[in-house]
N, C-alpha and C. Protein backbone atom coordinates (compact mmCIF):
# COMPACT_ATOMS: atom_id res chain seq x y z
N MET A 1 0.77 -0.95 -0.02
CA MET A 1 0.00 0.42 0.07
C MET A 1 0.71 1.49 -0.04
N ASP A 2 0.62 2.44 -0.60
CA ASP A 2 1.33 3.35 -0.89
C ASP A 2 0.99 4.11 0.35
N ILE A 3 1.01 5.45 0.46
CA ILE A 3 0.97 6.38 1.19
C ILE A 3 -0.71 7.08 1.34
N ALA A 4 -0.72 7.11 0.13
CA ALA A 4 -1.92 7.77 -0.49
C ALA A 4 -3.13 6.91 0.34
N SER A 5 -3.02 5.34 0.15
CA SER A 5 -3.67 4.44 0.11
C SER A 5 -4.07 4.61 1.89
N LEU A 6 -2.65 4.43 2.17
CA LEU A 6 -2.41 4.62 3.92
C LEU A 6 -3.31 5.46 4.56
N ILE A 7 -3.23 6.66 4.14
CA ILE A 7 -3.81 7.91 4.57
C ILE A 7 -5.41 7.69 4.60
N GLY A 8 -5.68 7.43 2.94
CA GLY A 8 -6.81 7.13 2.97
C GLY A 8 -7.63 6.22 3.64
N PHE A 9 -6.84 4.85 3.77
CA PHE A 9 -7.93 4.03 4.60
C PHE A 9 -7.75 4.06 6.35
N SER A 10 -6.82 4.84 6.50
CA SER A 10 -6.89 5.52 7.80
C SER A 10 -8.12 6.20 8.31
N LEU A 11 -8.17 7.25 7.51
CA LEU A 11 -9.30 8.50 7.73
C LEU A 11 -10.57 6.91 7.20
N PHE A 12 -11.01 5.94 6.41
CA PHE A 12 -12.11 5.44 6.37
C PHE A 12 -11.75 4.71 7.73
N ALA A 13 -11.20 3.85 8.19
CA ALA A 13 -11.00 3.37 9.97
C ALA A 13 -11.40 3.86 10.59
N SER A 14 -11.10 4.84 10.70
CA SER A 14 -11.54 6.29 12.12
C SER A 14 -12.64 6.42 11.92
N ILE A 15 -13.12 6.90 10.84
CA ILE A 15 -14.68 7.49 10.38
C ILE A 15 -15.64 6.01 11.03
N ALA A 16 -15.66 4.84 10.44
CA ALA A 16 -16.20 3.38 10.60
C ALA A 16 -15.99 3.44 12.16
N ALA A 17 -14.67 3.29 12.82
CA ALA A 17 -14.35 3.25 13.64
C ALA A 17 -15.29 3.94 15.00
N PHE A 18 -15.80 5.42 15.10
CA PHE A 18 -15.93 6.11 16.20
C PHE A 18 -17.47 6.54 15.91
N THR A 19 -17.60 6.34 14.84
CA THR A 19 -18.90 6.76 14.24
C THR A 19 -20.39 5.39 15.06
N PRO A 20 -21.70 5.94 15.79
CA PRO A 20 -22.63 5.05 16.04
C PRO A 20 -22.52 4.46 15.50
N GLY A 21 -22.46 2.73 16.10
CA GLY A 21 -22.90 1.23 15.36
C GLY A 21 -23.47 1.09 16.78
N PRO A 22 -23.73 -0.50 16.10
CA PRO A 22 -24.30 -1.42 17.04
C PRO A 22 -22.99 -1.78 18.21
N ASN A 23 -21.88 -1.87 18.12
CA ASN A 23 -20.80 -1.77 19.18
C ASN A 23 -20.77 -0.77 19.75
N ASN A 24 -20.47 0.50 19.46
CA ASN A 24 -20.54 1.78 19.99
C ASN A 24 -21.68 2.22 21.40
N LEU A 25 -22.85 1.93 20.26
CA LEU A 25 -23.96 2.13 21.41
C LEU A 25 -23.67 1.17 22.56
N MET A 26 -23.87 -0.37 22.08
CA MET A 26 -23.72 -1.08 23.34
C MET A 26 -22.94 -0.98 24.15
N LEU A 27 -21.61 -0.44 24.18
CA LEU A 27 -20.48 0.13 24.84
C LEU A 27 -21.27 1.13 25.74
N ALA A 28 -21.48 2.16 25.24
CA ALA A 28 -22.02 3.26 25.91
C ALA A 28 -22.97 2.56 27.24
N ALA A 29 -23.93 2.15 26.48
CA ALA A 29 -25.01 1.47 27.58
C ALA A 29 -24.42 0.72 28.85
N SER A 30 -23.29 -0.02 28.25
CA SER A 30 -22.42 -0.83 29.17
C SER A 30 -22.04 0.18 30.37
N GLY A 31 -21.11 0.86 29.39
CA GLY A 31 -20.21 1.40 30.67
C GLY A 31 -21.32 2.46 31.53
N ALA A 32 -22.37 3.07 31.28
CA ALA A 32 -23.56 3.65 31.83
C ALA A 32 -23.90 3.06 32.78
N ASN A 33 -23.91 1.59 32.61
CA ASN A 33 -24.84 0.33 33.47
C ASN A 33 -23.79 -0.08 34.30
N PHE A 34 -22.53 -0.50 34.04
CA PHE A 34 -22.18 -1.21 35.16
C PHE A 34 -20.41 -0.59 35.07
N GLY A 35 -20.22 0.62 34.71
CA GLY A 35 -19.05 0.87 34.85
C GLY A 35 -18.08 0.72 33.75
N LEU A 36 -16.56 1.28 33.91
CA LEU A 36 -15.90 1.29 32.35
C LEU A 36 -15.04 -0.05 32.82
N ASN A 37 -14.55 -0.59 33.77
CA ASN A 37 -14.08 -1.67 34.52
C ASN A 37 -14.66 -2.90 34.02
N ARG A 38 -16.05 -2.79 34.38
CA ARG A 38 -16.78 -4.41 34.03
C ARG A 38 -17.17 -4.36 32.63
N THR A 39 -17.22 -3.55 32.03
CA THR A 39 -17.11 -3.42 30.58
C THR A 39 -15.91 -3.83 29.49
N LEU A 40 -14.88 -3.76 30.38
CA LEU A 40 -13.46 -4.26 29.88
C LEU A 40 -13.27 -5.48 29.04
N PRO A 41 -13.99 -6.22 28.91
CA PRO A 41 -13.91 -7.37 28.35
C PRO A 41 -14.57 -7.91 27.30
N HIS A 42 -16.10 -6.86 27.37
CA HIS A 42 -16.66 -6.13 26.45
C HIS A 42 -16.22 -5.65 25.14
N ILE A 43 -14.98 -4.50 25.28
CA ILE A 43 -13.96 -3.77 24.37
C ILE A 43 -13.56 -5.16 24.23
N PHE A 44 -12.71 -5.46 24.96
CA PHE A 44 -11.29 -6.38 24.30
C PHE A 44 -12.21 -8.00 23.54
N GLY A 45 -13.71 -7.96 23.42
CA GLY A 45 -14.08 -9.15 22.79
C GLY A 45 -14.42 -8.73 21.76
N ILE A 46 -14.14 -7.54 21.73
CA ILE A 46 -15.36 -7.02 20.36
C ILE A 46 -13.91 -6.40 19.12
N THR A 47 -12.64 -6.05 20.02
CA THR A 47 -11.41 -5.71 19.41
C THR A 47 -11.17 -7.01 18.87
N ILE A 48 -11.00 -8.29 19.38
CA ILE A 48 -10.24 -9.42 18.65
C ILE A 48 -11.20 -10.25 17.90
N GLY A 49 -12.71 -9.93 18.35
CA GLY A 49 -13.61 -10.76 17.08
C GLY A 49 -13.48 -9.85 15.60
N PHE A 50 -12.94 -8.48 15.90
CA PHE A 50 -13.38 -7.53 14.59
C PHE A 50 -12.04 -7.87 13.65
N LEU A 51 -10.49 -8.09 14.97
CA LEU A 51 -9.30 -8.26 14.01
C LEU A 51 -9.18 -9.92 13.78
N LEU A 52 -9.87 -10.53 13.95
CA LEU A 52 -10.04 -11.77 13.30
C LEU A 52 -11.11 -11.80 11.96
N LEU A 53 -12.15 -11.23 12.15
CA LEU A 53 -12.83 -11.12 10.93
C LEU A 53 -12.15 -10.06 9.87
N VAL A 54 -11.08 -9.65 9.91
CA VAL A 54 -10.07 -8.74 9.01
C VAL A 54 -9.45 -9.51 8.62
N VAL A 55 -8.39 -10.42 9.12
CA VAL A 55 -7.34 -11.28 8.42
C VAL A 55 -8.14 -12.27 7.85
N LEU A 56 -9.01 -12.76 8.55
CA LEU A 56 -10.13 -14.23 7.82
C LEU A 56 -10.38 -13.19 6.56
N ALA A 57 -10.48 -12.42 6.57
CA ALA A 57 -11.51 -12.03 5.00
C ALA A 57 -10.17 -11.13 3.98
N CYS A 58 -9.61 -10.73 4.64
CA CYS A 58 -7.98 -10.89 4.03
C CYS A 58 -8.12 -11.73 3.24
N PHE A 59 -7.67 -12.93 3.50
CA PHE A 59 -7.07 -14.58 3.11
C PHE A 59 -8.30 -15.47 2.82
N GLY A 60 -9.62 -14.50 1.63
CA GLY A 60 -10.42 -15.39 1.19
C GLY A 60 -11.94 -14.96 2.27
N LEU A 61 -12.15 -14.73 2.62
CA LEU A 61 -13.47 -14.81 3.79
C LEU A 61 -14.14 -14.32 2.64
N ALA A 62 -14.21 -13.08 2.38
CA ALA A 62 -14.59 -11.58 1.74
C ALA A 62 -15.10 -12.44 0.59
N SER A 63 -14.23 -13.24 -0.52
CA SER A 63 -14.38 -13.86 -1.41
C SER A 63 -15.36 -14.93 -1.41
N LEU A 64 -15.38 -15.97 -0.18
CA LEU A 64 -16.48 -17.12 0.20
C LEU A 64 -17.51 -16.23 0.21
N PHE A 65 -18.17 -15.16 0.90
CA PHE A 65 -19.39 -14.45 1.46
C PHE A 65 -19.92 -14.17 -0.16
N ALA A 66 -18.86 -13.83 -0.75
CA ALA A 66 -19.39 -13.11 -1.90
C ALA A 66 -20.09 -14.34 -2.85
N ALA A 67 -19.27 -15.75 -2.59
CA ALA A 67 -19.84 -16.76 -3.38
C ALA A 67 -21.35 -17.69 -3.30
N LEU A 68 -21.56 -17.14 -1.81
CA LEU A 68 -22.77 -17.61 -1.03
C LEU A 68 -23.99 -16.80 -0.71
N PRO A 69 -24.59 -16.31 -1.87
CA PRO A 69 -25.42 -14.90 -0.83
C PRO A 69 -26.61 -14.96 -0.19
N ASN A 70 -26.68 -16.69 -0.49
CA ASN A 70 -27.88 -17.16 0.48
C ASN A 70 -27.86 -17.39 1.88
N VAL A 71 -26.22 -17.80 2.22
CA VAL A 71 -26.05 -17.70 3.22
C VAL A 71 -25.84 -16.42 3.70
N MET A 72 -25.47 -15.52 3.27
CA MET A 72 -25.11 -14.06 3.60
C MET A 72 -26.70 -13.22 3.97
N GLU A 73 -27.36 -13.60 3.52
CA GLU A 73 -29.15 -13.21 3.24
C GLU A 73 -29.78 -13.74 4.69
N ALA A 74 -29.73 -14.94 4.81
CA ALA A 74 -29.96 -15.89 6.22
C ALA A 74 -28.85 -14.32 7.08
N ALA A 75 -27.82 -14.82 7.37
CA ALA A 75 -26.63 -14.16 7.96
C ALA A 75 -27.29 -12.85 8.37
N ARG A 76 -27.78 -11.79 7.45
CA ARG A 76 -28.39 -10.43 7.77
C ARG A 76 -29.68 -10.52 8.51
N TRP A 77 -30.48 -11.46 8.03
CA TRP A 77 -31.79 -11.10 9.06
C TRP A 77 -31.50 -11.83 10.45
N PHE A 78 -30.72 -13.22 10.43
CA PHE A 78 -30.64 -13.23 11.90
C PHE A 78 -29.70 -12.49 12.47
N SER A 79 -28.93 -11.75 12.19
CA SER A 79 -28.27 -10.36 12.45
C SER A 79 -28.87 -9.26 13.14
N LEU A 80 -30.18 -9.27 12.27
CA LEU A 80 -30.87 -7.92 12.63
C LEU A 80 -31.84 -8.28 13.74
N LEU A 81 -32.30 -9.54 13.80
CA LEU A 81 -33.26 -10.17 14.57
C LEU A 81 -32.49 -10.03 15.99
N PHE A 82 -30.93 -10.31 15.93
CA PHE A 82 -30.24 -10.46 17.34
C PHE A 82 -30.50 -9.12 17.71
N LEU A 83 -29.74 -7.68 17.06
CA LEU A 83 -29.69 -6.71 17.50
C LEU A 83 -30.81 -6.09 18.06
N LEU A 84 -31.86 -6.64 17.50
CA LEU A 84 -33.19 -5.88 17.78
C LEU A 84 -33.51 -6.44 19.59
N PHE A 85 -32.64 -7.95 19.75
CA PHE A 85 -33.23 -8.55 21.34
C PHE A 85 -32.41 -7.87 22.11
N LEU A 86 -31.02 -7.37 21.24
CA LEU A 86 -30.26 -6.72 22.16
C LEU A 86 -30.58 -5.66 22.61
N ALA A 87 -31.20 -5.09 21.54
CA ALA A 87 -31.56 -3.09 22.14
C ALA A 87 -32.75 -3.53 23.50
N TYR A 88 -33.87 -5.07 22.90
CA TYR A 88 -34.85 -4.75 24.07
C TYR A 88 -33.75 -5.13 25.43
N LYS A 89 -32.97 -5.52 25.58
CA LYS A 89 -32.10 -6.13 26.67
C LYS A 89 -31.56 -5.20 26.86
N ILE A 90 -31.00 -3.96 26.03
CA ILE A 90 -30.56 -1.77 26.51
C ILE A 90 -31.70 -1.62 27.16
N ALA A 91 -33.02 -1.82 26.94
CA ALA A 91 -34.13 -0.63 27.03
C ALA A 91 -34.35 -1.40 28.72
N THR A 92 -34.19 -2.31 28.61
CA THR A 92 -34.51 -3.38 29.87
C THR A 92 -33.66 -3.20 31.29
N ALA A 93 -32.23 -2.52 30.69
CA ALA A 93 -31.33 -3.00 32.04
C ALA A 93 -31.68 -1.82 32.96
N ALA A 94 -30.59 -2.82 33.89
CA ALA A 94 -30.81 -1.38 35.46
C ALA A 94 -29.53 -1.60 36.19
N PRO A 95 -29.44 -0.81 36.65
CA PRO A 95 -27.82 -0.82 37.33
C PRO A 95 -27.73 -1.67 38.12
N PRO A 96 -26.39 -2.01 38.79
CA PRO A 96 -26.35 -3.17 40.06
C PRO A 96 -26.84 -2.76 41.11
N GLU A 97 -27.95 -3.24 41.95
CA GLU A 97 -28.29 -2.34 43.22
C GLU A 97 -28.36 -3.41 43.64
N GLY A 98 -27.87 -3.98 44.66
CA GLY A 98 -28.40 -5.18 46.09
C GLY A 98 -28.43 -6.13 44.88
N ILE A 99 -29.66 -7.08 45.66
CA ILE A 99 -29.60 -8.35 45.38
C ILE A 99 -30.99 -7.97 44.09
N GLU A 100 -31.48 -6.63 43.61
CA GLU A 100 -32.07 -6.97 42.53
C GLU A 100 -31.23 -6.83 41.33
N ALA A 101 -29.95 -6.99 41.43
CA ALA A 101 -29.54 -6.88 40.30
C ALA A 101 -29.21 -8.21 39.15
N THR A 102 -29.68 -8.66 38.60
CA THR A 102 -30.34 -9.68 37.22
C THR A 102 -29.15 -9.52 35.84
N SER A 103 -29.39 -8.66 35.50
CA SER A 103 -28.42 -8.02 34.18
C SER A 103 -27.04 -7.86 34.22
N ARG A 104 -26.03 -8.39 33.63
CA ARG A 104 -24.75 -8.42 33.59
C ARG A 104 -24.30 -7.94 32.84
N PRO A 105 -23.13 -7.34 32.37
CA PRO A 105 -22.80 -7.24 30.78
C PRO A 105 -22.29 -7.81 29.90
N ILE A 106 -22.25 -7.59 28.59
CA ILE A 106 -21.82 -8.82 27.84
C ILE A 106 -19.94 -9.53 28.11
N SER A 107 -19.97 -10.70 27.98
CA SER A 107 -18.94 -11.57 28.37
C SER A 107 -18.01 -11.69 27.06
N PHE A 108 -16.47 -11.72 27.04
CA PHE A 108 -15.66 -11.30 26.10
C PHE A 108 -15.75 -11.78 24.66
N THR A 109 -16.01 -13.59 25.13
CA THR A 109 -16.67 -14.20 24.33
C THR A 109 -17.81 -14.13 23.31
N GLN A 110 -19.17 -13.54 24.22
CA GLN A 110 -20.03 -13.07 23.75
C GLN A 110 -19.72 -11.91 22.62
N ALA A 111 -18.99 -11.00 23.17
CA ALA A 111 -19.03 -9.64 22.21
C ALA A 111 -17.75 -9.95 21.17
N MET A 112 -17.15 -11.00 21.28
CA MET A 112 -16.26 -11.94 19.79
C MET A 112 -16.92 -11.84 19.37
N LEU A 113 -17.67 -13.32 19.58
CA LEU A 113 -19.03 -13.96 18.73
C LEU A 113 -19.97 -12.66 18.01
N PHE A 114 -20.27 -11.89 18.57
CA PHE A 114 -21.01 -11.31 18.21
C PHE A 114 -20.67 -10.43 16.80
N GLN A 115 -19.15 -10.25 16.76
CA GLN A 115 -18.89 -9.31 15.39
C GLN A 115 -19.22 -10.01 14.27
N THR A 116 -19.03 -11.36 13.89
CA THR A 116 -19.76 -12.38 12.84
C THR A 116 -21.19 -12.04 12.44
N ILE A 117 -21.63 -11.10 13.42
CA ILE A 117 -23.23 -11.14 12.60
C ILE A 117 -23.84 -9.18 12.80
N ASN A 118 -22.78 -8.80 13.41
CA ASN A 118 -22.65 -7.61 13.42
C ASN A 118 -23.02 -7.02 11.77
N PRO A 119 -23.51 -5.96 11.66
CA PRO A 119 -23.96 -5.74 10.13
C PRO A 119 -22.58 -4.63 10.04
N LYS A 120 -22.63 -3.88 10.47
CA LYS A 120 -21.58 -2.75 10.44
C LYS A 120 -20.38 -3.46 9.90
N ALA A 121 -19.98 -4.07 11.23
CA ALA A 121 -18.14 -4.58 10.77
C ALA A 121 -18.13 -5.47 9.92
N ILE A 122 -19.30 -5.93 9.20
CA ILE A 122 -18.97 -6.86 7.69
C ILE A 122 -18.96 -5.78 7.03
N ILE A 123 -19.72 -5.07 7.09
CA ILE A 123 -19.88 -3.93 5.62
C ILE A 123 -18.56 -3.48 5.84
N VAL A 124 -18.14 -2.83 6.48
CA VAL A 124 -16.99 -2.59 7.02
C VAL A 124 -15.44 -3.12 6.89
N ILE A 125 -15.55 -4.52 6.77
CA ILE A 125 -14.44 -5.05 6.56
C ILE A 125 -14.55 -5.47 5.16
N VAL A 126 -15.95 -5.59 4.60
CA VAL A 126 -15.66 -6.13 3.21
C VAL A 126 -15.03 -5.23 2.49
N SER A 127 -15.59 -3.73 2.86
CA SER A 127 -15.45 -2.43 1.68
C SER A 127 -13.89 -2.58 1.94
N SER A 128 -13.22 -2.85 3.25
CA SER A 128 -12.14 -2.08 3.43
C SER A 128 -11.09 -3.40 2.91
N VAL A 129 -11.15 -4.79 2.31
CA VAL A 129 -10.90 -6.01 2.09
C VAL A 129 -10.80 -5.65 0.56
N THR A 130 -12.22 -5.28 -0.28
CA THR A 130 -12.48 -5.19 -1.94
C THR A 130 -11.57 -3.62 -2.20
N THR A 131 -11.68 -3.26 -1.57
CA THR A 131 -11.27 -1.57 -1.76
C THR A 131 -9.47 -1.42 -1.62
N TYR A 132 -9.08 -2.08 -0.21
CA TYR A 132 -7.46 -1.83 -0.39
C TYR A 132 -6.62 -3.27 -0.40
N ALA A 133 -6.97 -4.11 0.52
CA ALA A 133 -6.20 -5.55 -0.11
C ALA A 133 -6.30 -6.47 -0.78
N SER A 134 -7.55 -6.28 -1.83
CA SER A 134 -7.48 -7.31 -3.06
C SER A 134 -6.82 -6.48 -3.90
N GLN A 135 -6.36 -5.11 -4.18
CA GLN A 135 -5.83 -4.55 -4.76
C GLN A 135 -3.78 -4.18 -4.85
N ALA A 136 -4.08 -4.95 -3.54
CA ALA A 136 -2.63 -4.89 -2.85
C ALA A 136 -1.29 -5.49 -3.95
N GLU A 137 0.05 -5.09 -4.05
CA GLU A 137 1.14 -6.19 -4.75
C GLU A 137 1.15 -7.36 -3.53
N SER A 138 1.57 -6.88 -2.43
CA SER A 138 1.58 -7.79 -0.93
C SER A 138 -0.24 -7.73 -0.41
N LEU A 139 -0.15 -9.16 -0.28
CA LEU A 139 -1.53 -9.30 0.40
C LEU A 139 -1.01 -9.18 1.81
N LEU A 140 0.09 -9.88 2.02
CA LEU A 140 0.41 -10.48 3.42
C LEU A 140 0.93 -8.75 4.07
N LEU A 141 1.41 -7.93 3.48
CA LEU A 141 2.01 -6.56 3.73
C LEU A 141 0.47 -5.72 3.99
N ALA A 142 -0.37 -5.64 3.07
CA ALA A 142 -1.68 -4.83 3.12
C ALA A 142 -2.50 -5.69 4.29
N THR A 143 -2.79 -6.78 4.35
CA THR A 143 -3.13 -7.18 5.63
C THR A 143 -2.66 -6.77 6.64
N SER A 144 -1.29 -6.80 7.42
CA SER A 144 -0.62 -6.14 7.94
C SER A 144 -1.25 -4.94 8.52
N PHE A 145 -0.99 -3.55 6.94
CA PHE A 145 -1.24 -2.87 7.66
C PHE A 145 -2.88 -2.19 8.04
N ILE A 146 -3.77 -3.44 7.56
CA ILE A 146 -5.15 -2.57 7.57
C ILE A 146 -5.38 -3.05 8.93
N THR A 147 -4.85 -4.73 9.51
CA THR A 147 -5.12 -5.20 10.65
C THR A 147 -4.34 -3.95 11.81
N LEU A 148 -3.66 -3.50 11.73
CA LEU A 148 -2.88 -2.60 12.86
C LEU A 148 -3.44 -1.33 12.97
N ILE A 149 -4.00 -0.68 11.48
CA ILE A 149 -4.70 0.54 11.95
C ILE A 149 -5.92 0.16 12.41
N PHE A 150 -6.65 -0.68 12.12
CA PHE A 150 -7.97 -1.49 12.47
C PHE A 150 -7.87 -1.39 14.03
N ALA A 151 -6.74 -2.35 14.08
CA ALA A 151 -6.54 -2.42 16.04
C ALA A 151 -6.21 -1.08 16.77
N PHE A 152 -5.73 -0.20 16.30
CA PHE A 152 -5.52 1.20 16.72
C PHE A 152 -6.93 2.20 16.83
N VAL A 153 -7.48 1.98 15.93
CA VAL A 153 -8.72 2.44 15.78
C VAL A 153 -10.30 2.15 16.63
N THR A 154 -9.89 0.81 16.34
CA THR A 154 -11.29 -0.46 17.30
C THR A 154 -10.88 0.02 18.86
N ILE A 155 -9.66 -0.37 18.97
CA ILE A 155 -9.23 0.03 21.05
C ILE A 155 -9.73 1.26 21.26
N THR A 156 -9.29 2.09 20.51
CA THR A 156 -9.80 3.59 20.72
C THR A 156 -10.98 3.80 20.97
N SER A 157 -11.54 3.84 19.93
CA SER A 157 -12.85 4.35 19.66
C SER A 157 -13.59 3.34 21.03
N THR A 158 -13.21 1.89 21.25
CA THR A 158 -14.12 1.41 22.35
C THR A 158 -14.22 1.51 23.50
N LEU A 159 -12.78 1.85 23.97
CA LEU A 159 -12.70 2.74 25.29
C LEU A 159 -13.16 4.18 25.44
N LEU A 160 -13.05 4.82 24.12
CA LEU A 160 -13.71 6.20 24.61
C LEU A 160 -15.24 6.35 24.72
N TRP A 161 -16.01 5.14 23.96
CA TRP A 161 -17.35 4.94 24.18
C TRP A 161 -18.30 4.73 25.35
N ALA A 162 -17.18 3.30 26.01
CA ALA A 162 -17.31 2.89 27.07
C ALA A 162 -17.35 3.55 28.74
N TYR A 163 -16.20 4.63 28.27
CA TYR A 163 -16.02 6.05 29.06
C TYR A 163 -16.95 6.94 29.09
N ALA A 164 -17.56 7.51 27.91
CA ALA A 164 -18.17 8.64 27.89
C ALA A 164 -19.60 8.03 28.46
N GLY A 165 -19.87 6.83 28.37
CA GLY A 165 -20.87 6.38 28.94
C GLY A 165 -20.98 5.74 30.46
N SER A 166 -19.31 5.50 30.96
CA SER A 166 -19.40 5.68 32.62
C SER A 166 -19.96 7.10 33.23
N LEU A 167 -19.56 7.94 31.94
CA LEU A 167 -19.36 9.34 32.57
C LEU A 167 -21.06 9.63 32.56
N PHE A 168 -21.74 9.14 31.83
CA PHE A 168 -22.93 9.30 31.89
C PHE A 168 -23.68 8.71 32.75
N GLY A 169 -23.25 7.81 33.04
CA GLY A 169 -24.05 6.59 34.33
C GLY A 169 -23.74 7.34 35.60
N GLN A 170 -22.28 8.04 35.90
CA GLN A 170 -22.09 8.88 37.00
C GLN A 170 -23.05 9.79 37.25
N LEU A 171 -23.25 10.65 35.75
CA LEU A 171 -24.30 11.74 36.05
C LEU A 171 -25.39 11.23 36.45
N LEU A 172 -26.09 9.99 36.02
CA LEU A 172 -27.85 9.76 35.75
C LEU A 172 -27.69 8.44 37.26
N LYS A 173 -27.34 9.47 38.37
CA LYS A 173 -27.71 8.43 39.55
C LYS A 173 -29.26 7.78 39.86
N ASN A 174 -30.20 8.47 39.24
CA ASN A 174 -31.71 8.86 38.95
C ASN A 174 -31.77 7.44 38.68
N ARG A 175 -32.45 6.43 38.76
CA ARG A 175 -32.15 4.95 38.28
C ARG A 175 -33.87 5.74 37.03
N GLN A 176 -34.91 6.06 37.50
CA GLN A 176 -35.30 6.40 35.95
C GLN A 176 -34.91 7.50 35.26
N HIS A 177 -33.98 8.26 35.60
CA HIS A 177 -32.95 8.85 34.48
C HIS A 177 -31.99 7.80 33.58
N LEU A 178 -31.81 6.94 34.32
CA LEU A 178 -30.92 5.83 33.36
C LEU A 178 -31.88 4.98 32.54
N ARG A 179 -32.71 4.64 32.95
CA ARG A 179 -34.05 4.07 32.47
C ARG A 179 -34.27 4.99 31.02
N ILE A 180 -34.67 6.26 30.93
CA ILE A 180 -34.66 7.05 29.97
C ILE A 180 -33.41 7.11 28.93
N PHE A 181 -32.60 6.86 29.93
CA PHE A 181 -30.93 6.61 28.88
C PHE A 181 -30.76 5.62 28.20
N ASN A 182 -31.18 4.25 28.59
CA ASN A 182 -31.62 3.24 28.39
C ASN A 182 -32.32 3.11 27.39
N PHE A 183 -33.02 3.41 27.48
CA PHE A 183 -34.32 3.58 26.31
C PHE A 183 -33.97 4.19 24.78
N THR A 184 -33.00 5.38 24.91
CA THR A 184 -32.39 6.41 24.24
C THR A 184 -31.58 5.43 23.17
N MET A 185 -30.70 4.83 24.29
CA MET A 185 -29.44 4.22 23.24
C MET A 185 -30.13 2.65 22.68
N ALA A 186 -31.10 1.92 23.34
CA ALA A 186 -31.63 0.86 22.75
C ALA A 186 -32.46 1.57 20.81
N GLY A 187 -32.98 2.99 21.45
CA GLY A 187 -33.63 3.39 20.14
C GLY A 187 -32.97 3.94 19.12
N LEU A 188 -31.80 4.15 19.41
CA LEU A 188 -30.57 4.65 18.61
C LEU A 188 -30.18 2.70 18.02
N LEU A 189 -29.85 1.76 18.52
CA LEU A 189 -29.45 0.58 18.23
C LEU A 189 -29.88 0.37 17.10
N VAL A 190 -32.03 0.43 16.74
CA VAL A 190 -32.55 0.25 16.28
C VAL A 190 -32.61 1.08 14.94
N CYS A 191 -32.58 2.50 15.42
CA CYS A 191 -32.25 3.23 14.16
C CYS A 191 -30.93 2.98 13.48
N SER A 192 -29.55 2.47 14.13
CA SER A 192 -28.59 2.05 13.47
C SER A 192 -28.52 0.84 12.34
N LEU A 193 -29.74 0.18 12.68
CA LEU A 193 -29.81 -1.09 11.79
C LEU A 193 -30.78 -0.84 10.29
N ALA A 194 -31.25 0.75 10.05
CA ALA A 194 -31.39 1.26 9.06
C ALA A 194 -30.71 0.96 7.77
N PRO A 195 -29.55 1.15 7.52
CA PRO A 195 -28.58 0.93 6.25
C PRO A 195 -28.43 -0.72 5.80
N ALA A 196 -28.13 -1.15 7.16
CA ALA A 196 -28.08 -2.68 7.07
C ALA A 196 -29.54 -3.64 6.57
N SER A 197 -30.59 -3.01 6.74
CA SER A 197 -31.64 -3.55 6.23
C SER A 197 -31.16 -3.40 4.61
N PHE A 198 -31.26 -2.47 4.06
CA PHE A 198 -30.90 -2.48 2.20
C PHE A 198 -29.88 -2.87 2.14
N THR A 199 -28.75 -2.86 2.72
CA THR A 199 -27.35 -3.47 2.02
C THR A 199 -26.78 -4.99 2.49
N TRP A 200 -25.72 -4.94 2.32
CA TRP A 200 -25.13 -6.00 2.93
C TRP A 200 -25.08 -6.73 1.72
């Protein structure tokens, strides 16, 4: 990849990582309800799962998906239904409070596996591989650069979204206000599904 491609891809990756999407909205909600420390497994699960998909896509997974449109279509609808379920869980979440606390943050494994059905993640990865990796002279070098850049922007954006959520959680001491915040995050998560309903 030349300098121009690196700059262009870095800008693309940053915009994709920091803009609202299922991962970021769920992290903000988790930070608000459980705090930053309890959300760290969620953050690391997103990062590892996303980067594994990036590497696999660079080495042929994107082409395999393109060759199996029926599988992709089924995965798309499954992911949309699953995200609606997650939106419901966010809307009904409650902060830990004595023995009433029954909800818990998403685990490392759950967050990692979620990336395989995350519409935004798949769209971003396929677009990246098609635009930057597939045209590179050295696939290994291009994969290395793409993975490193995605690693930096992903860990940075996920930490910031979770931290911002934790700050909201500290401000929203009133449980009713926090429930309103959760409903808002759930609504935004549902809205973020609109592009994936017509693409992919």
